[in-house]
């Protein structure tokens, strides 16, 4: 294949072999250097990936804590609203029951004495010139000029409820 004479070709054989050997050795060194670079790049990539994962986990945990705190706050607020709504409903129901019971006092044999006592109380507070009339809900309403005193049975029942320490504790009256 070569154009050299067999003697020249034979004389160049050791040079060719030395060049081939040097090329093989250089290729081997290049392969080893490339392998070492790949190993270093993989190690660096793994380290960077671990840092990214750790930061993502930290961010995820913080977001989860924040979300849990928000959810917990929301649940507490909703529970408190339910309790307040229930308390309000119960208070309204109790007031209605008291009003109904207060209205039944009009049929009690002691009612005339109660009306007399309420009338006297109005006159004591508003003065002897005060006008005192019967309330359509039972009890009396006194008026003296711009002053008005409502001692109707539902008002008195509500005032009684609000003056009870137990009611204040339960409904923060």
C-alpha atoms as a PDB file:
ATOM      1  CA  UNK A   1       0.000   0.000   0.000  1.00  0.00           C
ATOM      2  CA  UNK A   2       2.856   2.279   0.500  1.00  0.00           C
ATOM      3  CA  UNK A   3       5.028   3.565  -2.245  1.00  0.00           C
ATOM      4  CA  UNK A   4       8.127   2.986  -0.275  1.00  0.00           C
ATOM      5  CA  UNK A   5      10.546   0.257  -0.866  1.00  0.00           C
ATOM      6  CA  UNK A   6      10.316  -2.762   1.373  1.00  0.00           C
ATOM      7  CA  UNK A   7      13.562  -1.791   3.109  1.00  0.00           C
ATOM      8  CA  UNK A   8      12.340   1.766   3.803  1.00  0.00           C
ATOM      9  CA  UNK A   9       8.967   0.453   4.835  1.00  0.00           C
ATOM     10  CA  UNK A  10      10.700  -1.954   7.234  1.00  0.00           C
ATOM     11  CA  UNK A  11      12.952   0.821   8.557  1.00  0.00           C
ATOM     12  CA  UNK A  12       9.883   3.032   9.269  1.00  0.00           C
ATOM     13  CA  UNK A  13       8.000   0.266  11.057  1.00  0.00           C
ATOM     14  CA  UNK A  14       9.499   1.047  14.478  1.00  0.00           C
ATOM     15  CA  UNK A  15       8.663   4.744  14.001  1.00  0.00           C
ATOM     16  CA  UNK A  16       5.108   3.903  13.020  1.00  0.00           C
ATOM     17  CA  UNK A  17       4.854   1.620  16.026  1.00  0.00           C
ATOM     18  CA  UNK A  18       6.235   4.385  18.280  1.00  0.00           C
ATOM     19  CA  UNK A  19       3.776   6.923  16.804  1.00  0.00           C
ATOM     20  CA  UNK A  20       0.885   4.476  17.181  1.00  0.00           C
ATOM     21  CA  UNK A  21       1.929   3.711  20.723  1.00  0.00           C
ATOM     22  CA  UNK A  22       2.248   7.441  21.516  1.00  0.00           C
ATOM     23  CA  UNK A  23      -1.170   8.090  19.920  1.00  0.00           C
ATOM     24  CA  UNK A  24      -2.715   5.202  21.882  1.00  0.00           C
ATOM     25  CA  UNK A  25      -1.144   6.506  25.086  1.00  0.00           C
ATOM     26  CA  UNK A  26      -2.336  10.075  24.415  1.00  0.00           C
ATOM     27  CA  UNK A  27      -5.839   8.799  23.553  1.00  0.00           C
ATOM     28  CA  UNK A  28      -5.805   6.784  26.778  1.00  0.00           C
ATOM     29  CA  UNK A  29      -4.752   9.862  28.760  1.00  0.00           C
ATOM     30  CA  UNK A  30      -7.470  11.950  27.045  1.00  0.00           C
ATOM     31  CA  UNK A  31     -10.055   9.253  27.842  1.00  0.00           C
ATOM     32  CA  UNK A  32      -8.900   9.180  31.478  1.00  0.00           C
ATOM     33  CA  UNK A  33      -8.983  13.011  31.714  1.00  0.00           C
ATOM     34  CA  UNK A  34     -12.480  13.035  30.173  1.00  0.00           C
ATOM     35  CA  UNK A  35     -13.579  10.275  32.590  1.00  0.00           C
ATOM     36  CA  UNK A  36     -12.214  12.299  35.523  1.00  0.00           C
ATOM     37  CA  UNK A  37     -14.047  15.411  34.246  1.00  0.00           C
ATOM     38  CA  UNK A  38     -17.281  13.426  33.956  1.00  0.00           C
ATOM     39  CA  UNK A  39     -16.808  12.108  37.513  1.00  0.00           C
ATOM     40  CA  UNK A  40     -16.172  15.648  38.794  1.00  0.00           C
ATOM     41  CA  UNK A  41     -19.148  17.053  36.870  1.00  0.00           C
ATOM     42  CA  UNK A  42     -21.417  14.285  38.174  1.00  0.00           C
ATOM     43  CA  UNK A  43     -20.246  14.876  41.739  1.00  0.00           C
ATOM     44  CA  UNK A  44     -20.781  18.625  41.366  1.00  0.00           C
ATOM     45  CA  UNK A  45     -24.192  18.059  39.773  1.00  0.00           C
ATOM     46  CA  UNK A  46     -25.196  15.700  42.576  1.00  0.00           C
ATOM     47  CA  UNK A  47     -24.056  18.253  45.149  1.00  0.00           C
ATOM     48  CA  UNK A  48     -26.014  21.026  43.402  1.00  0.00           C
ATOM     49  CA  UNK A  49     -29.055  18.752  43.125  1.00  0.00           C
ATOM     50  CA  UNK A  50     -28.815  17.922  46.843  1.00  0.00           C
ATOM     51  CA  UNK A  51     -28.665  21.639  47.678  1.00  0.00           C
ATOM     52  CA  UNK A  52     -31.653  22.355  45.429  1.00  0.00           C
ATOM     53  CA  UNK A  53     -33.632  19.483  46.959  1.00  0.00           C
ATOM     54  CA  UNK A  54     -32.731  20.606  50.486  1.00  0.00           C
ATOM     55  CA  UNK A  55     -33.813  24.189  49.687  1.00  0.00           C
ATOM     56  CA  UNK A  56     -37.035  22.907  48.112  1.00  0.00           C
ATOM     57  CA  UNK A  57     -37.734  20.713  51.145  1.00  0.00           C
ATOM     58  CA  UNK A  58     -37.058  23.665  53.460  1.00  0.00           C
ATOM     59  CA  UNK A  59     -39.322  25.919  51.368  1.00  0.00           C
ATOM     60  CA  UNK A  60     -41.966  23.192  51.203  1.00  0.00           C
ATOM     61  CA  UNK A  61     -41.879  22.673  54.966  1.00  0.00           C
ATOM     62  CA  UNK A  62     -42.148  26.422  55.548  1.00  0.00           C
ATOM     63  CA  UNK A  63     -45.046  26.654  53.100  1.00  0.00           C
ATOM     64  CA  UNK A  64     -46.713  23.661  54.745  1.00  0.00           C
ATOM     65  CA  UNK A  65     -46.288  25.212  58.210  1.00  0.00           C
ATOM     66  CA  UNK A  66     -47.683  28.480  56.919  1.00  0.00           C
ATOM     67  CA  UNK A  67     -50.605  26.710  55.235  1.00  0.00           C
ATOM     68  CA  UNK A  68     -51.243  24.658  58.376  1.00  0.00           C
ATOM     69  CA  UNK A  69     -51.198  27.809  60.507  1.00  0.00           C
ATOM     70  CA  UNK A  70     -53.620  29.517  58.126  1.00  0.00           C
ATOM     71  CA  UNK A  71     -55.867  26.460  58.056  1.00  0.00           C
ATOM     72  CA  UNK A  72     -55.739  26.174  61.848  1.00  0.00           C
ATOM     73  CA  UNK A  73     -56.540  29.863  62.221  1.00  0.00           C
ATOM     74  CA  UNK A  74     -59.412  29.535  59.752  1.00  0.00           C
ATOM     75  CA  UNK A  75     -60.802  26.496  61.576  1.00  0.00           C
ATOM     76  CA  UNK A  76     -60.535  28.250  64.954  1.00  0.00           C
ATOM     77  CA  UNK A  77     -62.268  31.318  63.542  1.00  0.00           C
ATOM     78  CA  UNK A  78     -65.048  29.207  62.014  1.00  0.00           C
ATOM     79  CA  UNK A  79     -65.471  27.280  65.268  1.00  0.00           C
ATOM     80  CA  UNK A  80     -65.614  30.543  67.207  1.00  0.00           C
ATOM     81  CA  UNK A  81     -68.199  31.903  64.767  1.00  0.00           C
ATOM     82  CA  UNK A  82     -70.254  28.744  65.220  1.00  0.00           C
ATOM     83  CA  UNK A  83     -70.070  29.058  68.994  1.00  0.00           C
ATOM     84  CA  UNK A  84     -71.038  32.732  68.831  1.00  0.00           C
ATOM     85  CA  UNK A  85     -73.911  32.006  66.449  1.00  0.00           C
ATOM     86  CA  UNK A  86     -75.124  29.221  68.715  1.00  0.00           C
ATOM     87  CA  UNK A  87     -74.843  31.469  71.774  1.00  0.00           C
ATOM     88  CA  UNK A  88     -76.722  34.213  69.968  1.00  0.00           C
ATOM     89  CA  UNK A  89     -79.448  31.792  68.898  1.00  0.00           C
ATOM     90  CA  UNK A  90     -79.761  30.440  72.435  1.00  0.00           C
ATOM     91  CA  UNK A  91     -79.851  33.953  73.877  1.00  0.00           C
ATOM     92  CA  UNK A  92     -82.593  34.965  71.436  1.00  0.00           C
ATOM     93  CA  UNK A  93     -84.512  31.811  72.298  1.00  0.00           C
ATOM     94  CA  UNK A  94     -84.115  32.497  76.030  1.00  0.00           C
ATOM     95  CA  UNK A  95     -85.239  36.114  75.565  1.00  0.00           C
ATOM     96  CA  UNK A  96     -88.278  34.929  73.620  1.00  0.00           C
ATOM     97  CA  UNK A  97     -89.143  32.406  76.329  1.00  0.00           C
ATOM     98  CA  UNK A  98     -88.740  35.085  79.009  1.00  0.00           C
ATOM     99  CA  UNK A  99     -90.921  37.478  77.002  1.00  0.00           C
ATOM    100  CA  UNK A 100     -93.605  34.804  76.620  1.00  0.00           C
ATOM    101  CA  UNK A 101     -93.487  33.976  80.318  1.00  0.00           C
ATOM    102  CA  UNK A 102     -93.505  37.652  81.244  1.00  0.00           C
ATOM    103  CA  UNK A 103     -96.631  38.156  79.149  1.00  0.00           C
ATOM    104  CA  UNK A 104     -98.360  35.346  81.056  1.00  0.00           C
ATOM    105  CA  UNK A 105     -97.894  37.376  84.246  1.00  0.00           C
ATOM    106  CA  UNK A 106    -100.834  39.501  83.102  1.00  0.00           C
ATOM    107  CA  UNK A 107    -103.078  36.551  83.999  1.00  0.00           C
ATOM    108  CA  UNK A 108    -101.536  36.017  87.422  1.00  0.00           C
ATOM    109  CA  UNK A 109    -103.563  37.091  90.466  1.00  0.00           C
ATOM    110  CA  UNK A 110    -100.579  39.160  91.663  1.00  0.00           C
ATOM    111  CA  UNK A 111    -100.458  41.206  88.439  1.00  0.00           C
ATOM    112  CA  UNK A 112    -102.552  44.155  89.722  1.00  0.00           C
ATOM    113  CA  UNK A 113    -100.188  44.546  92.685  1.00  0.00           C
ATOM    114  CA  UNK A 114     -97.223  44.426  90.266  1.00  0.00           C
ATOM    115  CA  UNK A 115     -98.792  47.147  88.085  1.00  0.00           C
ATOM    116  CA  UNK A 116     -99.373  49.322  91.159  1.00  0.00           C
ATOM    117  CA  UNK A 117     -95.731  48.849  92.248  1.00  0.00           C
ATOM    118  CA  UNK A 118     -94.442  49.669  88.730  1.00  0.00           C
ATOM    119  CA  UNK A 119     -96.703  52.738  88.539  1.00  0.00           C
ATOM    120  CA  UNK A 120     -95.396  53.963  91.887  1.00  0.00           C
ATOM    121  CA  UNK A 121     -91.812  53.348  90.726  1.00  0.00           C
ATOM    122  CA  UNK A 122     -92.438  55.477  87.607  1.00  0.00           C
ATOM    123  CA  UNK A 123     -93.875  58.287  89.723  1.00  0.00           C
ATOM    124  CA  UNK A 124     -90.939  58.070  92.139  1.00  0.00           C
ATOM    125  CA  UNK A 125     -88.399  58.309  89.312  1.00  0.00           C
ATOM    126  CA  UNK A 126     -90.171  60.740  86.966  1.00  0.00           C
ATOM    127  CA  UNK A 127     -92.046  62.828  89.521  1.00  0.00           C
ATOM    128  CA  UNK A 128     -95.669  63.038  90.667  1.00  0.00           C
ATOM    129  CA  UNK A 129     -96.690  64.899  87.470  1.00  0.00           C
ATOM    130  CA  UNK A 130     -95.592  61.979  85.282  1.00  0.00           C
ATOM    131  CA  UNK A 131     -98.130  60.290  83.055  1.00  0.00           C
ATOM    132  CA  UNK A 132     -98.205  56.519  83.537  1.00  0.00           C
ATOM    133  CA  UNK A 133    -100.052  54.258  81.085  1.00  0.00           C
ATOM    134  CA  UNK A 134    -100.452  50.523  80.620  1.00  0.00           C
ATOM    135  CA  UNK A 135     -98.101  48.903  78.118  1.00  0.00           C
ATOM    136  CA  UNK A 136     -99.758  46.706  75.473  1.00  0.00           C
ATOM    137  CA  UNK A 137     -97.168  44.053  76.433  1.00  0.00           C
ATOM    138  CA  UNK A 138     -98.032  44.264  80.129  1.00  0.00           C
ATOM    139  CA  UNK A 139     -96.456  46.512  82.731  1.00  0.00           C
ATOM    140  CA  UNK A 140     -96.428  50.300  82.470  1.00  0.00           C
ATOM    141  CA  UNK A 141     -94.770  53.153  80.574  1.00  0.00           C
ATOM    142  CA  UNK A 142     -94.177  56.453  82.307  1.00  0.00           C
ATOM    143  CA  UNK A 143     -93.591  59.806  80.625  1.00  0.00           C
ATOM    144  CA  UNK A 144     -92.675  63.215  81.977  1.00  0.00           C
ATOM    145  CA  UNK A 145     -91.809  65.756  79.290  1.00  0.00           C
ATOM    146  CA  UNK A 146     -88.979  64.355  77.163  1.00  0.00           C
ATOM    147  CA  UNK A 147     -88.215  61.617  79.682  1.00  0.00           C
ATOM    148  CA  UNK A 148     -89.690  58.164  79.201  1.00  0.00           C
ATOM    149  CA  UNK A 149     -89.479  55.092  81.418  1.00  0.00           C
ATOM    150  CA  UNK A 150     -90.483  51.751  79.895  1.00  0.00           C
ATOM    151  CA  UNK A 151     -91.343  49.224  82.593  1.00  0.00           C
ATOM    152  CA  UNK A 152     -93.164  46.840  80.258  1.00  0.00           C
ATOM    153  CA  UNK A 153     -92.930  43.157  81.104  1.00  0.00           C
ATOM    154  CA  UNK A 154     -90.649  42.206  78.132  1.00  0.00           C
ATOM    155  CA  UNK A 155     -88.254  45.063  78.981  1.00  0.00           C
ATOM    156  CA  UNK A 156     -88.194  44.046  82.639  1.00  0.00           C
ATOM    157  CA  UNK A 157     -87.568  40.410  81.666  1.00  0.00           C
ATOM    158  CA  UNK A 158     -84.669  41.470  79.423  1.00  0.00           C
ATOM    159  CA  UNK A 159     -83.199  43.672  82.151  1.00  0.00           C
ATOM    160  CA  UNK A 160     -83.479  40.784  84.599  1.00  0.00           C
ATOM    161  CA  UNK A 161     -81.670  38.476  82.178  1.00  0.00           C
ATOM    162  CA  UNK A 162     -78.905  41.001  81.600  1.00  0.00           C
ATOM    163  CA  UNK A 163     -78.467  41.586  85.327  1.00  0.00           C
ATOM    164  CA  UNK A 164     -77.869  37.895  86.032  1.00  0.00           C
ATOM    165  CA  UNK A 165     -74.135  37.114  86.500  1.00  0.00           C
ATOM    166  CA  UNK A 166     -74.627  33.690  84.881  1.00  0.00           C
ATOM    167  CA  UNK A 167     -76.027  35.330  81.756  1.00  0.00           C
ATOM    168  CA  UNK A 168     -73.147  37.788  81.612  1.00  0.00           C
ATOM    169  CA  UNK A 169     -70.632  34.961  81.775  1.00  0.00           C
ATOM    170  CA  UNK A 170     -72.390  32.898  79.136  1.00  0.00           C
ATOM    171  CA  UNK A 171     -73.159  35.674  76.682  1.00  0.00           C
ATOM    172  CA  UNK A 172     -70.757  38.456  77.655  1.00  0.00           C
ATOM    173  CA  UNK A 173     -73.615  40.872  78.274  1.00  0.00           C
END
